[in-house]
Amino acid sequence: MIELRGASKRFDRVEALLPTDLQIPDGSTTVLIGPSGCGKSTVLRLINGLIRPTSGEVRIDSARVTPESAPELRKQMGYVIQEGGLFPHLTAERNVTLMARRLGWGTPRIHSRIQELSGLTRFPEDGLHRYPVELSGGQRQRVSLMRALMLQPKVLLLDEPLGALDPMVRASLQSDLKVIFQRLRQTVVMVTHDLAEAAYLGDRIVVMNSGRIVQIGSIDDLRDRPADSFVTEFVSAQRSLVTL
């Protein structure tokens, strides 16, 4: 579904991503993890065409992501960022349905999809008429997820979607996300700093450091068969997983 072929990204003198090859299978959940500045969010932005690679290319379902193709390809992608990124002047419902209305969806179709997504994300329908400031952090992230899923995208991209939430809300949303991923079987690429979250949600984990991929595998691979000392240190630093 998604392929990076020698894709790199430089910002002035900073190499955010070294030339990288990565294949993300259709219907899988791939989690990118590593320290801040390692390049994981850069990979997401390259996939959805928000930035252009300095070298190499990115392909979605065999179509190359370019400035010309990106607007159309984004209709096949849902994108969720930390703290939701909702428009504060729009209600929850208007945030969710913004693109569908722009694309000319009729009211019955929009209403049906809203009801479906409210059930899927466990968002109360009586909250749809509230503004983001009137919602809790967890509710805002559910609205952001609904917005990302509204157009029934083939690809779902999540950039630290649960990072700003308290532990109990985060755990609840992790459980809901796991159910949603299993039910929809979309191609999911998720960025997180939390290795336990990556192990819980991902079919495979991509560990990154200093703009490159260090290792790809399961939590057992990372813990029992680390590729190098960085992976060992990274896993050991997340002490709750050492004895899993």
Protein backbone atom coordinates (compact mmCIF):
# COMPACT_ATOMS: atom_id res chain seq x y z
CA MET A 1 0.00 0.00 0.00
CA ILE A 2 2.74 2.50 0.97
CA GLU A 3 6.35 2.48 -0.13
CA LEU A 4 9.31 4.77 0.50
CA ARG A 5 12.07 4.32 -2.06
CA GLY A 6 15.29 5.98 -0.97
CA ALA A 7 13.21 8.84 0.45
CA SER A 8 15.13 11.49 2.38
CA LYS A 9 14.37 14.94 3.75
CA ARG A 10 16.71 17.82 4.52
CA PHE A 11 15.66 21.08 6.18
CA ASP A 12 18.46 23.57 5.51
CA ARG A 13 21.45 21.88 7.16
CA VAL A 14 19.41 19.36 9.14
CA GLU A 15 19.00 15.82 7.79
CA ALA A 16 15.56 14.97 9.18
CA LEU A 17 15.45 11.68 7.28
CA LEU A 18 18.35 9.86 5.64
CA PRO A 19 17.65 7.87 2.44
CA THR A 20 15.06 5.35 3.59
CA ASP A 21 13.39 2.28 2.10
CA LEU A 22 10.19 1.14 3.80
CA GLN A 23 7.25 -0.96 2.67
CA ILE A 24 3.97 -0.82 4.59
CA PRO A 25 1.64 -3.71 3.72
CA ASP A 26 -2.02 -3.22 2.89
CA GLY A 27 -4.31 -3.65 5.90
CA SER A 28 -1.51 -3.61 8.47
CA THR A 29 -0.84 -1.37 11.47
CA THR A 30 2.74 -0.09 11.47
CA VAL A 31 3.99 1.96 14.40
CA LEU A 32 6.94 4.33 14.07
CA ILE A 33 8.76 4.92 17.34
CA GLY A 34 11.93 6.59 18.53
CA PRO A 35 13.22 9.68 20.35
CA SER A 36 12.19 13.21 19.42
CA GLY A 37 13.74 14.36 16.17
CA CYS A 38 14.41 10.85 14.87
CA GLY A 39 12.38 11.37 11.68
CA LYS A 40 9.17 9.50 12.41
CA SER A 41 6.79 12.46 11.93
CA THR A 42 8.74 13.39 8.80
CA VAL A 43 7.82 10.00 7.35
CA LEU A 44 4.12 10.71 7.93
CA ARG A 45 4.36 14.12 6.27
CA LEU A 46 6.12 12.62 3.28
CA ILE A 47 3.38 10.00 2.95
CA ASN A 48 0.56 12.55 2.86
CA GLY A 49 2.49 14.97 0.69
CA LEU A 50 2.71 17.82 3.18
CA ILE A 51 6.44 17.94 2.42
CA ARG A 52 8.43 16.78 -0.60
CA PRO A 53 11.36 14.38 -0.33
CA THR A 54 14.78 15.84 -0.97
CA SER A 55 15.63 12.64 -2.78
CA GLY A 56 13.84 9.40 -3.57
CA GLU A 57 10.08 8.98 -3.77
CA VAL A 58 6.96 7.90 -1.91
CA ARG A 59 4.20 5.80 -3.48
CA ILE A 60 0.66 5.13 -2.31
CA ASP A 61 -0.93 2.08 -3.95
CA SER A 62 1.67 2.43 -6.76
CA ALA A 63 0.86 6.14 -7.36
CA ARG A 64 3.79 8.48 -6.77
CA VAL A 65 3.15 11.26 -4.24
CA THR A 66 3.93 14.58 -5.93
CA PRO A 67 2.66 18.16 -5.43
CA GLU A 68 0.25 17.50 -8.30
CA SER A 69 -1.04 14.11 -7.11
CA ALA A 70 -1.06 14.82 -3.36
CA PRO A 71 -4.43 16.67 -3.15
CA GLU A 72 -6.25 13.77 -4.78
CA LEU A 73 -4.31 11.11 -2.87
CA ARG A 74 -5.13 12.84 0.45
CA LYS A 75 -8.80 12.01 -0.14
CA GLN A 76 -7.74 8.40 0.46
CA MET A 77 -5.97 9.29 3.72
CA GLY A 78 -7.19 10.19 7.18
CA TYR A 79 -4.81 12.22 9.36
CA VAL A 80 -4.95 12.61 13.14
CA ILE A 81 -2.49 14.82 15.03
CA GLN A 82 -1.75 15.39 18.71
CA GLU A 83 -4.53 17.30 20.49
CA GLY A 84 -6.84 16.81 17.53
CA GLY A 85 -6.21 19.91 15.44
CA LEU A 86 -9.91 20.77 15.36
CA PHE A 87 -11.19 24.11 14.07
CA PRO A 88 -12.30 25.97 17.23
CA HIS A 89 -15.06 27.95 15.45
CA LEU A 90 -16.81 24.80 14.18
CA THR A 91 -18.92 22.36 16.16
CA ALA A 92 -17.79 18.76 16.46
CA GLU A 93 -20.21 17.75 13.72
CA ARG A 94 -19.03 20.53 11.39
CA ASN A 95 -15.40 19.55 12.00
CA VAL A 96 -16.15 15.94 11.11
CA THR A 97 -18.23 16.68 8.00
CA LEU A 98 -16.26 19.62 6.57
CA MET A 99 -14.63 17.73 3.69
CA ALA A 100 -17.71 15.64 2.96
CA ARG A 101 -19.76 18.81 2.51
CA ARG A 102 -17.09 20.34 0.29
CA LEU A 103 -17.15 17.21 -1.85
CA GLY A 104 -20.92 17.48 -2.24
CA TRP A 105 -22.16 14.66 -0.04
CA GLY A 106 -25.91 14.82 0.53
CA THR A 107 -27.45 15.33 3.98
CA PRO A 108 -28.81 11.75 4.33
CA ARG A 109 -25.41 10.25 3.50
CA ILE A 110 -23.63 12.59 5.92
CA HIS A 111 -26.12 11.87 8.70
CA SER A 112 -25.80 8.12 8.20
CA ARG A 113 -22.01 8.27 8.28
CA ILE A 114 -21.99 10.47 11.40
CA GLN A 115 -24.19 7.96 13.23
CA GLU A 116 -21.92 5.11 12.13
CA LEU A 117 -18.77 6.91 13.28
CA SER A 118 -20.28 8.01 16.59
CA GLY A 119 -20.96 4.38 17.38
CA LEU A 120 -17.56 3.23 16.17
CA THR A 121 -15.63 5.79 18.24
CA ARG A 122 -18.07 5.75 21.18
CA PHE A 123 -18.64 9.48 20.90
CA PRO A 124 -21.99 10.66 22.37
CA GLU A 125 -24.27 12.03 19.67
CA ASP A 126 -25.44 14.82 22.00
CA GLY A 127 -21.85 16.12 21.92
CA LEU A 128 -21.86 16.68 18.17
CA HIS A 129 -23.28 20.19 18.55
CA ARG A 130 -20.61 21.29 21.03
CA TYR A 131 -17.52 23.29 20.14
CA PRO A 132 -14.02 21.86 20.79
CA VAL A 133 -13.51 24.06 23.87
CA GLU A 134 -16.60 22.41 25.39
CA LEU A 135 -15.18 18.89 24.94
CA SER A 136 -12.68 16.93 27.03
CA GLY A 137 -9.29 16.01 25.59
CA GLY A 138 -10.43 12.45 24.96
CA GLN A 139 -13.60 13.64 23.25
CA ARG A 140 -11.63 15.99 21.00
CA GLN A 141 -9.43 13.10 19.89
CA ARG A 142 -12.52 10.99 19.14
CA VAL A 143 -13.87 13.83 17.00
CA SER A 144 -10.51 14.10 15.23
CA LEU A 145 -10.60 10.36 14.57
CA MET A 146 -14.15 10.61 13.23
CA ARG A 147 -13.04 13.41 10.91
CA ALA A 148 -10.13 11.29 9.67
CA LEU A 149 -12.46 8.34 8.99
CA MET A 150 -15.34 10.34 7.46
CA LEU A 151 -14.40 9.78 3.82
CA GLN A 152 -13.69 6.07 4.39
CA PRO A 153 -9.97 6.41 3.59
CA LYS A 154 -7.72 3.53 2.61
CA VAL A 155 -4.90 4.88 4.79
CA LEU A 156 -5.03 6.24 8.34
CA LEU A 157 -2.09 8.31 9.61
CA LEU A 158 -1.83 9.12 13.32
CA ASP A 159 0.88 11.42 14.71
CA GLU A 160 1.11 11.08 18.50
CA PRO A 161 -2.71 11.05 18.73
CA LEU A 162 -2.80 10.14 22.43
CA GLY A 163 0.31 11.92 23.67
CA ALA A 164 -1.42 14.79 25.48
CA LEU A 165 -4.00 12.68 27.35
CA ASP A 166 -3.96 11.52 30.95
CA PRO A 167 -3.20 7.79 31.51
CA MET A 168 -6.78 6.60 32.09
CA VAL A 169 -8.20 8.40 29.05
CA ARG A 170 -5.23 7.25 27.00
CA ALA A 171 -5.76 3.61 28.00
CA SER A 172 -9.45 3.82 27.07
CA LEU A 173 -8.67 5.28 23.65
CA GLN A 174 -5.95 2.71 23.05
CA SER A 175 -8.52 -0.05 23.59
CA ASP A 176 -10.97 1.65 21.24
CA LEU A 177 -8.31 2.19 18.58
CA LYS A 178 -7.33 -1.48 18.68
CA VAL A 179 -10.96 -2.49 18.07
CA ILE A 180 -11.31 0.07 15.26
CA PHE A 181 -8.11 -1.10 13.55
CA GLN A 182 -9.20 -4.72 13.75
CA ARG A 183 -12.69 -3.96 12.48
CA LEU A 184 -11.78 -1.68 9.57
CA ARG A 185 -8.53 -3.40 8.50
CA GLN A 186 -7.23 -0.17 7.01
CA THR A 187 -3.58 0.51 6.39
CA VAL A 188 -2.51 2.39 9.52
CA VAL A 189 0.75 4.24 10.17
CA MET A 190 1.05 5.59 13.71
CA VAL A 191 3.75 7.64 15.44
CA THR A 192 4.28 7.34 19.19
CA HIS A 193 6.97 7.69 21.87
CA ASP A 194 5.36 4.94 23.98
CA LEU A 195 6.72 1.45 23.32
CA ALA A 196 3.92 -0.22 25.31
CA GLU A 197 1.41 1.57 23.08
CA ALA A 198 3.33 0.47 19.99
CA ALA A 199 3.38 -3.14 21.18
CA TYR A 200 -0.34 -3.07 21.98
CA LEU A 201 -1.54 -1.51 18.72
CA GLY A 202 1.01 -2.41 16.07
CA ASP A 203 1.36 -5.45 13.84
CA ARG A 204 5.00 -4.41 13.61
CA ILE A 205 7.19 -1.72 15.13
CA VAL A 206 9.66 0.45 13.20
CA VAL A 207 12.35 1.83 15.51
CA MET A 208 14.02 5.02 14.28
CA ASN A 209 17.00 7.03 15.48
CA SER A 210 18.88 10.00 13.98
CA GLY A 211 16.90 9.98 10.75
CA ARG A 212 17.17 6.30 9.94
CA ILE A 213 15.41 3.00 10.56
CA VAL A 214 17.30 0.94 13.12
CA GLN A 215 15.09 -2.14 13.36
CA ILE A 216 11.70 -3.46 12.25
CA GLY A 217 9.94 -6.23 14.15
CA SER A 218 7.70 -7.22 17.04
CA ILE A 219 8.23 -6.26 20.67
CA ASP A 220 9.80 -9.70 21.19
CA ASP A 221 12.26 -9.01 18.36
CA LEU A 222 13.24 -5.67 19.85
CA ARG A 223 13.63 -7.03 23.36
CA ASP A 224 15.20 -10.43 22.65
CA ARG A 225 16.99 -9.81 19.34
CA PRO A 226 17.97 -6.10 19.30
CA ALA A 227 19.73 -4.88 16.17
CA ASP A 228 22.19 -2.73 18.11
CA SER A 229 22.89 -1.10 21.47
CA PHE A 230 20.47 1.77 20.81
CA VAL A 231 17.52 -0.63 20.57
CA THR A 232 18.61 -2.32 23.81
CA GLU A 233 18.84 1.05 25.60
CA PHE A 234 15.55 2.26 24.13
CA VAL A 235 13.65 -0.84 25.28
CA SER A 236 15.34 -0.86 28.70
CA ALA A 237 14.36 2.77 29.23
CA GLN A 238 10.69 1.73 29.05
CA ARG A 239 10.91 -0.40 32.15
CA SER A 240 7.31 -1.64 32.15
CA LEU A 241 8.10 -3.75 29.06
CA VAL A 242 11.28 -5.37 30.24
CA THR A 243 9.43 -8.21 31.98
CA LEU A 244 6.51 -8.59 29.53
